C-alpha cells in the first residue's frame, strides 16, 4: 500500500514523463534534420505499478 498524502507523482509517473519528453525531443530533432515541419507532437504513455513486486526490495 502506498504511503503519503497522494499530492505528488509516483516515481513511475516521473519516469514516464521523462521518457515522453525524450521521445518528443527525438521526434522533433529527427524531423528538423529531415526538413519536416511539425505543427504538433503528442505522446501518450501508459504504465503499470507493481506494488507487490516492489515491496520485496524493502524487506
PDB file of N, CA and C in Angstrom:
ATOM      1  N   UNK A   1       0.853  -1.170   0.000  1.00  0.00           N
ATOM      2  CA  UNK A   1       0.000   0.000   0.000  1.00  0.00           C
ATOM      3  C   UNK A   1       0.901   1.236   0.000  1.00  0.00           C
ATOM      4  N   UNK A   2       0.626   2.204  -0.902  1.00  0.00           N
ATOM      5  CA  UNK A   2       1.439   3.415  -0.949  1.00  0.00           C
ATOM      6  C   UNK A   2       1.265   4.258   0.314  1.00  0.00           C
ATOM      7  N   UNK A   3       2.305   4.934   0.663  1.00  0.00           N
ATOM      8  CA  UNK A   3       2.263   5.838   1.818  1.00  0.00           C
ATOM      9  C   UNK A   3       2.218   7.275   1.338  1.00  0.00           C
ATOM     10  N   UNK A   4       1.877   8.188   2.185  1.00  0.00           N
ATOM     11  CA  UNK A   4       1.895   9.601   1.843  1.00  0.00           C
ATOM     12  C   UNK A   4       0.499  10.172   1.684  1.00  0.00           C
ATOM     13  N   UNK A   5       0.457  11.394   1.177  1.00  0.00           N
ATOM     14  CA  UNK A   5      -0.796  12.124   1.054  1.00  0.00           C
ATOM     15  C   UNK A   5      -1.326  12.194  -0.374  1.00  0.00           C
ATOM     16  N   UNK A   6      -0.662  11.503  -1.305  1.00  0.00           N
ATOM     17  CA  UNK A   6      -1.096  11.461  -2.704  1.00  0.00           C
ATOM     18  C   UNK A   6      -1.149  12.859  -3.324  1.00  0.00           C
ATOM     19  N   UNK A   7      -0.156  13.696  -3.016  1.00  0.00           N
ATOM     20  CA  UNK A   7      -0.113  15.045  -3.564  1.00  0.00           C
ATOM     21  C   UNK A   7       0.978  15.217  -4.617  1.00  0.00           C
ATOM     22  N   UNK A   8       1.724  14.175  -4.905  1.00  0.00           N
ATOM     23  CA  UNK A   8       2.790  14.250  -5.901  1.00  0.00           C
ATOM     24  C   UNK A   8       2.750  12.995  -6.765  1.00  0.00           C
ATOM     25  N   UNK A   9       3.517  13.025  -7.823  1.00  0.00           N
ATOM     26  CA  UNK A   9       3.561  11.890  -8.744  1.00  0.00           C
ATOM     27  C   UNK A   9       4.363  10.737  -8.153  1.00  0.00           C
ATOM     28  N   UNK A  10       3.969   9.517  -8.498  1.00  0.00           N
ATOM     29  CA  UNK A  10       4.752   8.341  -8.139  1.00  0.00           C
ATOM     30  C   UNK A  10       6.043   8.352  -8.961  1.00  0.00           C
ATOM     31  N   UNK A  11       7.081   7.709  -8.496  1.00  0.00           N
ATOM     32  CA  UNK A  11       8.317   7.633  -9.277  1.00  0.00           C
ATOM     33  C   UNK A  11       8.104   7.063 -10.680  1.00  0.00           C
ATOM     34  N   UNK A  12       7.217   6.093 -10.809  1.00  0.00           N
ATOM     35  CA  UNK A  12       6.936   5.532 -12.134  1.00  0.00           C
ATOM     36  C   UNK A  12       6.352   6.592 -13.063  1.00  0.00           C
ATOM     37  N   UNK A  13       5.516   7.447 -12.534  1.00  0.00           N
ATOM     38  CA  UNK A  13       4.942   8.528 -13.335  1.00  0.00           C
ATOM     39  C   UNK A  13       6.026   9.513 -13.763  1.00  0.00           C
ATOM     40  N   UNK A  14       6.976   9.776 -12.890  1.00  0.00           N
ATOM     41  CA  UNK A  14       8.078  10.676 -13.241  1.00  0.00           C
ATOM     42  C   UNK A  14       8.938  10.069 -14.352  1.00  0.00           C
ATOM     43  N   UNK A  15       9.169   8.768 -14.290  1.00  0.00           N
ATOM     44  CA  UNK A  15       9.945   8.094 -15.330  1.00  0.00           C
ATOM     45  C   UNK A  15       9.201   8.150 -16.657  1.00  0.00           C
ATOM     46  N   UNK A  16       7.893   7.925 -16.644  1.00  0.00           N
ATOM     47  CA  UNK A  16       7.116   8.007 -17.876  1.00  0.00           C
ATOM     48  C   UNK A  16       7.138   9.418 -18.455  1.00  0.00           C
ATOM     49  N   UNK A  17       7.086  10.434 -17.596  1.00  0.00           N
ATOM     50  CA  UNK A  17       7.150  11.815 -18.068  1.00  0.00           C
ATOM     51  C   UNK A  17       8.497  12.106 -18.717  1.00  0.00           C
ATOM     52  N   UNK A  18       9.569  11.646 -18.090  1.00  0.00           N
ATOM     53  CA  UNK A  18      10.907  11.855 -18.652  1.00  0.00           C
ATOM     54  C   UNK A  18      11.049  11.114 -19.978  1.00  0.00           C
ATOM     55  N   UNK A  19      10.545   9.890 -20.054  1.00  0.00           N
ATOM     56  CA  UNK A  19      10.605   9.110 -21.285  1.00  0.00           C
ATOM     57  C   UNK A  19       9.799   9.800 -22.384  1.00  0.00           C
ATOM     58  N   UNK A  20       8.633  10.320 -22.049  1.00  0.00           N
ATOM     59  CA  UNK A  20       7.817  11.038 -23.028  1.00  0.00           C
ATOM     60  C   UNK A  20       8.525  12.282 -23.551  1.00  0.00           C
ATOM     61  N   UNK A  21       9.190  13.009 -22.656  1.00  0.00           N
ATOM     62  CA  UNK A  21       9.940  14.196 -23.079  1.00  0.00           C
ATOM     63  C   UNK A  21      11.082  13.799 -24.005  1.00  0.00           C
ATOM     64  N   UNK A  22      11.767  12.715 -23.677  1.00  0.00           N
ATOM     65  CA  UNK A  22      12.877  12.231 -24.505  1.00  0.00           C
ATOM     66  C   UNK A  22      12.382  11.836 -25.899  1.00  0.00           C
ATOM     67  N   UNK A  23      11.271  11.115 -25.956  1.00  0.00           N
ATOM     68  CA  UNK A  23      10.711  10.728 -27.251  1.00  0.00           C
ATOM     69  C   UNK A  23      10.323  11.948 -28.079  1.00  0.00           C
ATOM     70  N   UNK A  24       9.681  12.911 -27.439  1.00  0.00           N
ATOM     71  CA  UNK A  24       9.233  14.113 -28.135  1.00  0.00           C
ATOM     72  C   UNK A  24      10.409  14.891 -28.714  1.00  0.00           C
ATOM     73  N   UNK A  25      11.451  15.060 -27.925  1.00  0.00           N
ATOM     74  CA  UNK A  25      12.639  15.768 -28.405  1.00  0.00           C
ATOM     75  C   UNK A  25      13.281  15.015 -29.561  1.00  0.00           C
ATOM     76  N   UNK A  26      13.365  13.695 -29.424  1.00  0.00           N
ATOM     77  CA  UNK A  26      13.935  12.886 -30.501  1.00  0.00           C
ATOM     78  C   UNK A  26      13.141  13.003 -31.791  1.00  0.00           C
ATOM     79  N   UNK A  27      11.807  12.939 -31.698  1.00  0.00           N
ATOM     80  CA  UNK A  27      10.969  13.088 -32.892  1.00  0.00           C
ATOM     81  C   UNK A  27      11.164  14.462 -33.524  1.00  0.00           C
ATOM     82  N   UNK A  28      11.169  15.502 -32.702  1.00  0.00           N
ATOM     83  CA  UNK A  28      11.313  16.866 -33.216  1.00  0.00           C
ATOM     84  C   UNK A  28      12.681  17.071 -33.869  1.00  0.00           C
ATOM     85  N   UNK A  29      13.733  16.562 -33.258  1.00  0.00           N
ATOM     86  CA  UNK A  29      15.075  16.723 -33.822  1.00  0.00           C
ATOM     87  C   UNK A  29      15.222  15.957 -35.137  1.00  0.00           C
ATOM     88  N   UNK A  30      14.706  14.738 -35.185  1.00  0.00           N
ATOM     89  CA  UNK A  30      14.781  13.963 -36.423  1.00  0.00           C
ATOM     90  C   UNK A  30      13.967  14.604 -37.535  1.00  0.00           C
ATOM     91  N   UNK A  31      12.816  15.149 -37.201  1.00  0.00           N
ATOM     92  CA  UNK A  31      12.007  15.839 -38.204  1.00  0.00           C
ATOM     93  C   UNK A  31      12.739  17.075 -38.722  1.00  0.00           C
ATOM     94  N   UNK A  32      13.376  17.830 -37.829  1.00  0.00           N
ATOM     95  CA  UNK A  32      14.104  19.035 -38.238  1.00  0.00           C
ATOM     96  C   UNK A  32      15.269  18.683 -39.160  1.00  0.00           C
ATOM     97  N   UNK A  33      15.997  17.632 -38.850  1.00  0.00           N
ATOM     98  CA  UNK A  33      17.124  17.210 -39.690  1.00  0.00           C
ATOM     99  C   UNK A  33      16.639  16.816 -41.082  1.00  0.00           C
ATOM    100  N   UNK A  34      15.455  16.230 -41.170  1.00  0.00           N
ATOM    101  CA  UNK A  34      14.908  15.796 -42.456  1.00  0.00           C
ATOM    102  C   UNK A  34      14.115  16.897 -43.164  1.00  0.00           C
ATOM    103  N   UNK A  35      14.032  18.067 -42.545  1.00  0.00           N
ATOM    104  CA  UNK A  35      13.320  19.183 -43.144  1.00  0.00           C
ATOM    105  C   UNK A  35      11.806  19.065 -43.051  1.00  0.00           C
ATOM    106  N   UNK A  36      11.324  18.291 -42.114  1.00  0.00           N
ATOM    107  CA  UNK A  36       9.886  18.108 -41.926  1.00  0.00           C
ATOM    108  C   UNK A  36       9.390  19.114 -40.888  1.00  0.00           C
ATOM    109  N   UNK A  37       8.387  19.907 -41.272  1.00  0.00           N
ATOM    110  CA  UNK A  37       7.822  20.903 -40.375  1.00  0.00           C
ATOM    111  C   UNK A  37       6.711  20.261 -39.542  1.00  0.00           C
ATOM    112  N   UNK A  38       6.863  20.273 -38.239  1.00  0.00           N
ATOM    113  CA  UNK A  38       5.850  19.711 -37.344  1.00  0.00           C
ATOM    114  C   UNK A  38       5.031  20.836 -36.723  1.00  0.00           C
ATOM    115  N   UNK A  39       3.728  20.719 -36.798  1.00  0.00           N
ATOM    116  CA  UNK A  39       2.852  21.683 -36.143  1.00  0.00           C
ATOM    117  C   UNK A  39       2.576  21.284 -34.703  1.00  0.00           C
ATOM    118  N   UNK A  40       2.579  19.980 -34.441  1.00  0.00           N
ATOM    119  CA  UNK A  40       2.215  19.498 -33.115  1.00  0.00           C
ATOM    120  C   UNK A  40       2.777  18.094 -32.925  1.00  0.00           C
ATOM    121  N   UNK A  41       3.163  17.795 -31.708  1.00  0.00           N
ATOM    122  CA  UNK A  41       3.577  16.447 -31.339  1.00  0.00           C
ATOM    123  C   UNK A  41       2.825  16.080 -30.061  1.00  0.00           C
ATOM    124  N   UNK A  42       2.210  14.919 -30.062  1.00  0.00           N
ATOM    125  CA  UNK A  42       1.539  14.430 -28.871  1.00  0.00           C
ATOM    126  C   UNK A  42       2.017  13.012 -28.598  1.00  0.00           C
ATOM    127  N   UNK A  43       2.450  12.778 -27.381  1.00  0.00           N
ATOM    128  CA  UNK A  43       2.897  11.457 -26.960  1.00  0.00           C
ATOM    129  C   UNK A  43       2.041  11.042 -25.768  1.00  0.00           C
ATOM    130  N   UNK A  44       1.454   9.876 -25.856  1.00  0.00           N
ATOM    131  CA  UNK A  44       0.644   9.359 -24.756  1.00  0.00           C
ATOM    132  C   UNK A  44       1.281   8.062 -24.262  1.00  0.00           C
ATOM    133  N   UNK A  45       1.632   8.030 -22.996  1.00  0.00           N
ATOM    134  CA  UNK A  45       2.269   6.861 -22.400  1.00  0.00           C
ATOM    135  C   UNK A  45       1.397   6.304 -21.295  1.00  0.00           C
ATOM    136  N   UNK A  46       1.511   5.020 -21.090  1.00  0.00           N
ATOM    137  CA  UNK A  46       0.746   4.361 -20.049  1.00  0.00           C
ATOM    138  C   UNK A  46       1.645   3.349 -19.360  1.00  0.00           C
ATOM    139  N   UNK A  47       1.521   3.233 -18.065  1.00  0.00           N
ATOM    140  CA  UNK A  47       2.338   2.285 -17.335  1.00  0.00           C
ATOM    141  C   UNK A  47       1.561   1.650 -16.198  1.00  0.00           C
ATOM    142  N   UNK A  48       2.145   0.630 -15.641  1.00  0.00           N
ATOM    143  CA  UNK A  48       1.533  -0.070 -14.513  1.00  0.00           C
ATOM    144  C   UNK A  48       2.482  -0.046 -13.327  1.00  0.00           C
ATOM    145  N   UNK A  49       1.914   0.011 -12.150  1.00  0.00           N
ATOM    146  CA  UNK A  49       2.706  -0.036 -10.925  1.00  0.00           C
ATOM    147  C   UNK A  49       2.494  -1.405 -10.298  1.00  0.00           C
ATOM    148  N   UNK A  50       3.569  -2.129 -10.085  1.00  0.00           N
ATOM    149  CA  UNK A  50       3.507  -3.464  -9.491  1.00  0.00           C
ATOM    150  C   UNK A  50       3.941  -3.354  -8.039  1.00  0.00           C
ATOM    151  N   UNK A  51       3.029  -2.922  -7.178  1.00  0.00           N
ATOM    152  CA  UNK A  51       3.375  -2.724  -5.774  1.00  0.00           C
ATOM    153  C   UNK A  51       3.789  -4.002  -5.066  1.00  0.00           C
ATOM    154  N   UNK A  52       3.120  -5.145  -5.282  1.00  0.00           N
ATOM    155  CA  UNK A  52       3.597  -6.359  -4.609  1.00  0.00           C
ATOM    156  C   UNK A  52       5.030  -6.717  -5.015  1.00  0.00           C
ATOM    157  N   UNK A  53       5.388  -6.465  -6.262  1.00  0.00           N
ATOM    158  CA  UNK A  53       6.745  -6.758  -6.713  1.00  0.00           C
ATOM    159  C   UNK A  53       7.789  -5.825  -6.122  1.00  0.00           C
ATOM    160  N   UNK A  54       7.414  -4.579  -5.865  1.00  0.00           N
ATOM    161  CA  UNK A  54       8.379  -3.617  -5.352  1.00  0.00           C
ATOM    162  C   UNK A  54       8.576  -3.746  -3.854  1.00  0.00           C
ATOM    163  N   UNK A  55       7.621  -4.326  -3.155  1.00  0.00           N
ATOM    164  CA  UNK A  55       7.769  -4.429  -1.712  1.00  0.00           C
ATOM    165  C   UNK A  55       8.848  -5.431  -1.332  1.00  0.00           C
ATOM    166  N   UNK A  56       9.217  -6.314  -2.234  1.00  0.00           N
ATOM    167  CA  UNK A  56      10.263  -7.282  -1.949  1.00  0.00           C
ATOM    168  C   UNK A  56      11.617  -6.611  -1.723  1.00  0.00           C
ATOM    169  N   UNK A  57      11.807  -5.455  -2.351  1.00  0.00           N
ATOM    170  CA  UNK A  57      13.083  -4.747  -2.211  1.00  0.00           C
ATOM    171  C   UNK A  57      13.262  -4.108  -0.843  1.00  0.00           C
ATOM    172  N   UNK A  58      12.188  -3.934  -0.110  1.00  0.00           N
ATOM    173  CA  UNK A  58      12.243  -3.243   1.161  1.00  0.00           C
ATOM    174  C   UNK A  58      12.267  -4.187   2.346  1.00  0.00           C
ATOM    175  N   UNK A  59      12.351  -5.469   2.105  1.00  0.00           N
ATOM    176  CA  UNK A  59      12.377  -6.434   3.216  1.00  0.00           C
ATOM    177  C   UNK A  59      13.764  -6.584   3.775  1.00  0.00           C
TER     178      UNK A  59
END
